[in-house]
Amino acid sequence: MEFTDLLRYVAALLMVLALIGGAGLAVRRFGMPGVVRPGALRRLAVVETLMIGPRQRLFLISRDGVEHLVMAGPEGQIVIESGIESGIVPPPAPEVAS
């Protein structure tokens, strides 16, 4: 293997890495079709999950400020409670000793 071949391989590797990096920056900047752009407002979120059995799980899902409690397992999904107000309670402020 000659030095020019080694130089050509390294240059090709750097070119491929630069193309991958450029594609990543373009996706981050412009988004992908079918995927929410980074700056867009998200309406749906999984607030919390809890395993209640080996194959059953509870999901607290928030949609437009309203939360829904859903249980999912191999037998299907069940809505336990719907229309829960999104009541995020801030933690109490620490007391300052005088």
C-alpha atoms as a PDB file:
ATOM      1  CA  MET A   1       0.000   0.000   0.000  1.00  0.00           C
ATOM      2  CA  GLU A   2       1.412   3.287  -1.033  1.00  0.00           C
ATOM      3  CA  PHE A   3       1.164   6.591   0.777  1.00  0.00           C
ATOM      4  CA  THR A   4      -1.153   8.037  -1.889  1.00  0.00           C
ATOM      5  CA  ASP A   5      -3.626   5.166  -1.408  1.00  0.00           C
ATOM      6  CA  LEU A   6      -3.640   5.735   2.352  1.00  0.00           C
ATOM      7  CA  LEU A   7      -4.157   9.456   1.823  1.00  0.00           C
ATOM      8  CA  ARG A   8      -7.035   8.743  -0.572  1.00  0.00           C
ATOM      9  CA  TYR A   9      -8.752   6.436   1.999  1.00  0.00           C
ATOM     10  CA  VAL A  10      -8.446   9.021   4.766  1.00  0.00           C
ATOM     11  CA  ALA A  11      -9.793  11.764   2.485  1.00  0.00           C
ATOM     12  CA  ALA A  12     -12.752   9.560   1.503  1.00  0.00           C
ATOM     13  CA  LEU A  13     -13.481   8.841   5.178  1.00  0.00           C
ATOM     14  CA  LEU A  14     -13.401  12.549   6.032  1.00  0.00           C
ATOM     15  CA  MET A  15     -15.703  13.300   3.103  1.00  0.00           C
ATOM     16  CA  VAL A  16     -18.245  10.686   4.243  1.00  0.00           C
ATOM     17  CA  LEU A  17     -18.149  11.981   7.835  1.00  0.00           C
ATOM     18  CA  ALA A  18     -18.636  15.544   6.582  1.00  0.00           C
ATOM     19  CA  LEU A  19     -21.658  14.472   4.507  1.00  0.00           C
ATOM     20  CA  ILE A  20     -23.217  12.667   7.492  1.00  0.00           C
ATOM     21  CA  GLY A  21     -22.632  15.705   9.703  1.00  0.00           C
ATOM     22  CA  GLY A  22     -24.118  18.043   7.092  1.00  0.00           C
ATOM     23  CA  ALA A  23     -27.193  15.831   6.745  1.00  0.00           C
ATOM     24  CA  GLY A  24     -27.627  15.833  10.530  1.00  0.00           C
ATOM     25  CA  LEU A  25     -27.415  19.620  10.674  1.00  0.00           C
ATOM     26  CA  ALA A  26     -29.897  19.959   7.815  1.00  0.00           C
ATOM     27  CA  VAL A  27     -32.389  17.644   9.548  1.00  0.00           C
ATOM     28  CA  ARG A  28     -32.020  19.533  12.821  1.00  0.00           C
ATOM     29  CA  ARG A  29     -32.490  22.883  11.066  1.00  0.00           C
ATOM     30  CA  PHE A  30     -35.316  22.077   8.621  1.00  0.00           C
ATOM     31  CA  GLY A  31     -36.922  18.979  10.189  1.00  0.00           C
ATOM     32  CA  MET A  32     -38.023  15.855   8.367  1.00  0.00           C
ATOM     33  CA  PRO A  33     -41.370  15.318   6.628  1.00  0.00           C
ATOM     34  CA  GLY A  34     -43.749  13.518   8.977  1.00  0.00           C
ATOM     35  CA  VAL A  35     -41.721  14.414  12.068  1.00  0.00           C
ATOM     36  CA  VAL A  36     -42.476  17.373  14.314  1.00  0.00           C
ATOM     37  CA  ARG A  37     -39.975  20.193  13.899  1.00  0.00           C
ATOM     38  CA  PRO A  38     -37.926  20.970  16.994  1.00  0.00           C
ATOM     39  CA  GLY A  39     -39.530  24.368  17.555  1.00  0.00           C
ATOM     40  CA  ALA A  40     -43.126  23.208  17.015  1.00  0.00           C
ATOM     41  CA  LEU A  41     -45.634  23.081  19.843  1.00  0.00           C
ATOM     42  CA  ARG A  42     -46.265  19.517  20.969  1.00  0.00           C
ATOM     43  CA  ARG A  43     -49.819  18.648  21.934  1.00  0.00           C
ATOM     44  CA  LEU A  44     -49.262  15.080  23.102  1.00  0.00           C
ATOM     45  CA  ALA A  45     -46.877  13.808  25.790  1.00  0.00           C
ATOM     46  CA  VAL A  46     -46.424  10.799  28.038  1.00  0.00           C
ATOM     47  CA  VAL A  47     -46.203  12.379  31.489  1.00  0.00           C
ATOM     48  CA  GLU A  48     -45.443   9.251  33.517  1.00  0.00           C
ATOM     49  CA  THR A  49     -45.419   5.458  33.248  1.00  0.00           C
ATOM     50  CA  LEU A  50     -45.688   2.810  35.946  1.00  0.00           C
ATOM     51  CA  MET A  51     -45.214  -0.951  35.706  1.00  0.00           C
ATOM     52  CA  ILE A  52     -48.028  -2.614  37.669  1.00  0.00           C
ATOM     53  CA  GLY A  53     -47.336  -6.182  36.618  1.00  0.00           C
ATOM     54  CA  PRO A  54     -44.934  -8.208  34.528  1.00  0.00           C
ATOM     55  CA  ARG A  55     -46.734  -7.200  31.327  1.00  0.00           C
ATOM     56  CA  GLN A  56     -49.118  -4.428  32.395  1.00  0.00           C
ATOM     57  CA  ARG A  57     -48.239  -0.753  32.460  1.00  0.00           C
ATOM     58  CA  LEU A  58     -50.069   2.453  33.389  1.00  0.00           C
ATOM     59  CA  PHE A  59     -49.569   5.542  31.247  1.00  0.00           C
ATOM     60  CA  LEU A  60     -50.467   9.101  32.196  1.00  0.00           C
ATOM     61  CA  ILE A  61     -50.884  10.879  28.873  1.00  0.00           C
ATOM     62  CA  SER A  62     -51.305  14.641  28.480  1.00  0.00           C
ATOM     63  CA  ARG A  63     -53.164  16.095  25.505  1.00  0.00           C
ATOM     64  CA  ASP A  64     -53.928  19.819  25.207  1.00  0.00           C
ATOM     65  CA  GLY A  65     -53.601  20.329  28.973  1.00  0.00           C
ATOM     66  CA  VAL A  66     -55.918  17.412  29.829  1.00  0.00           C
ATOM     67  CA  GLU A  67     -54.528  14.142  31.153  1.00  0.00           C
ATOM     68  CA  HIS A  68     -55.758  10.592  30.562  1.00  0.00           C
ATOM     69  CA  LEU A  69     -54.877   7.464  32.564  1.00  0.00           C
ATOM     70  CA  VAL A  70     -54.492   4.408  30.323  1.00  0.00           C
ATOM     71  CA  MET A  71     -53.588   0.820  31.229  1.00  0.00           C
ATOM     72  CA  ALA A  72     -51.902  -1.225  28.503  1.00  0.00           C
ATOM     73  CA  GLY A  73     -51.120  -4.914  28.472  1.00  0.00           C
ATOM     74  CA  PRO A  74     -51.143  -7.932  26.183  1.00  0.00           C
ATOM     75  CA  GLU A  75     -54.952  -8.132  26.379  1.00  0.00           C
ATOM     76  CA  GLY A  76     -55.337  -4.576  25.066  1.00  0.00           C
ATOM     77  CA  GLN A  77     -55.634  -1.006  26.274  1.00  0.00           C
ATOM     78  CA  ILE A  78     -58.168   0.369  28.749  1.00  0.00           C
ATOM     79  CA  VAL A  79     -58.880   4.024  29.532  1.00  0.00           C
ATOM     80  CA  ILE A  80     -59.051   4.105  33.331  1.00  0.00           C
ATOM     81  CA  GLU A  81     -59.805   7.810  33.747  1.00  0.00           C
ATOM     82  CA  SER A  82     -60.231  10.549  31.190  1.00  0.00           C
ATOM     83  CA  GLY A  83     -60.406  14.319  31.384  1.00  0.00           C
ATOM     84  CA  ILE A  84     -58.119  14.786  34.388  1.00  0.00           C
ATOM     85  CA  GLU A  85     -57.151  18.417  34.822  1.00  0.00           C
ATOM     86  CA  SER A  86     -53.418  18.898  34.401  1.00  0.00           C
ATOM     87  CA  GLY A  87     -52.686  19.958  37.950  1.00  0.00           C
ATOM     88  CA  ILE A  88     -48.932  20.228  38.205  1.00  0.00           C
ATOM     89  CA  VAL A  89     -48.363  21.275  41.780  1.00  0.00           C
ATOM     90  CA  PRO A  90     -45.060  23.078  42.357  1.00  0.00           C
ATOM     91  CA  PRO A  91     -43.006  21.786  45.281  1.00  0.00           C
ATOM     92  CA  PRO A  92     -43.366  23.785  48.483  1.00  0.00           C
ATOM     93  CA  ALA A  93     -40.862  26.580  48.975  1.00  0.00           C
ATOM     94  CA  PRO A  94     -38.229  25.822  51.605  1.00  0.00           C
ATOM     95  CA  GLU A  95     -38.787  27.652  54.852  1.00  0.00           C
ATOM     96  CA  VAL A  96     -36.156  30.201  55.769  1.00  0.00           C
ATOM     97  CA  ALA A  97     -35.119  30.201  59.412  1.00  0.00           C
ATOM     98  CA  SER A  98     -35.026  33.693  60.901  1.00  0.00           C
END
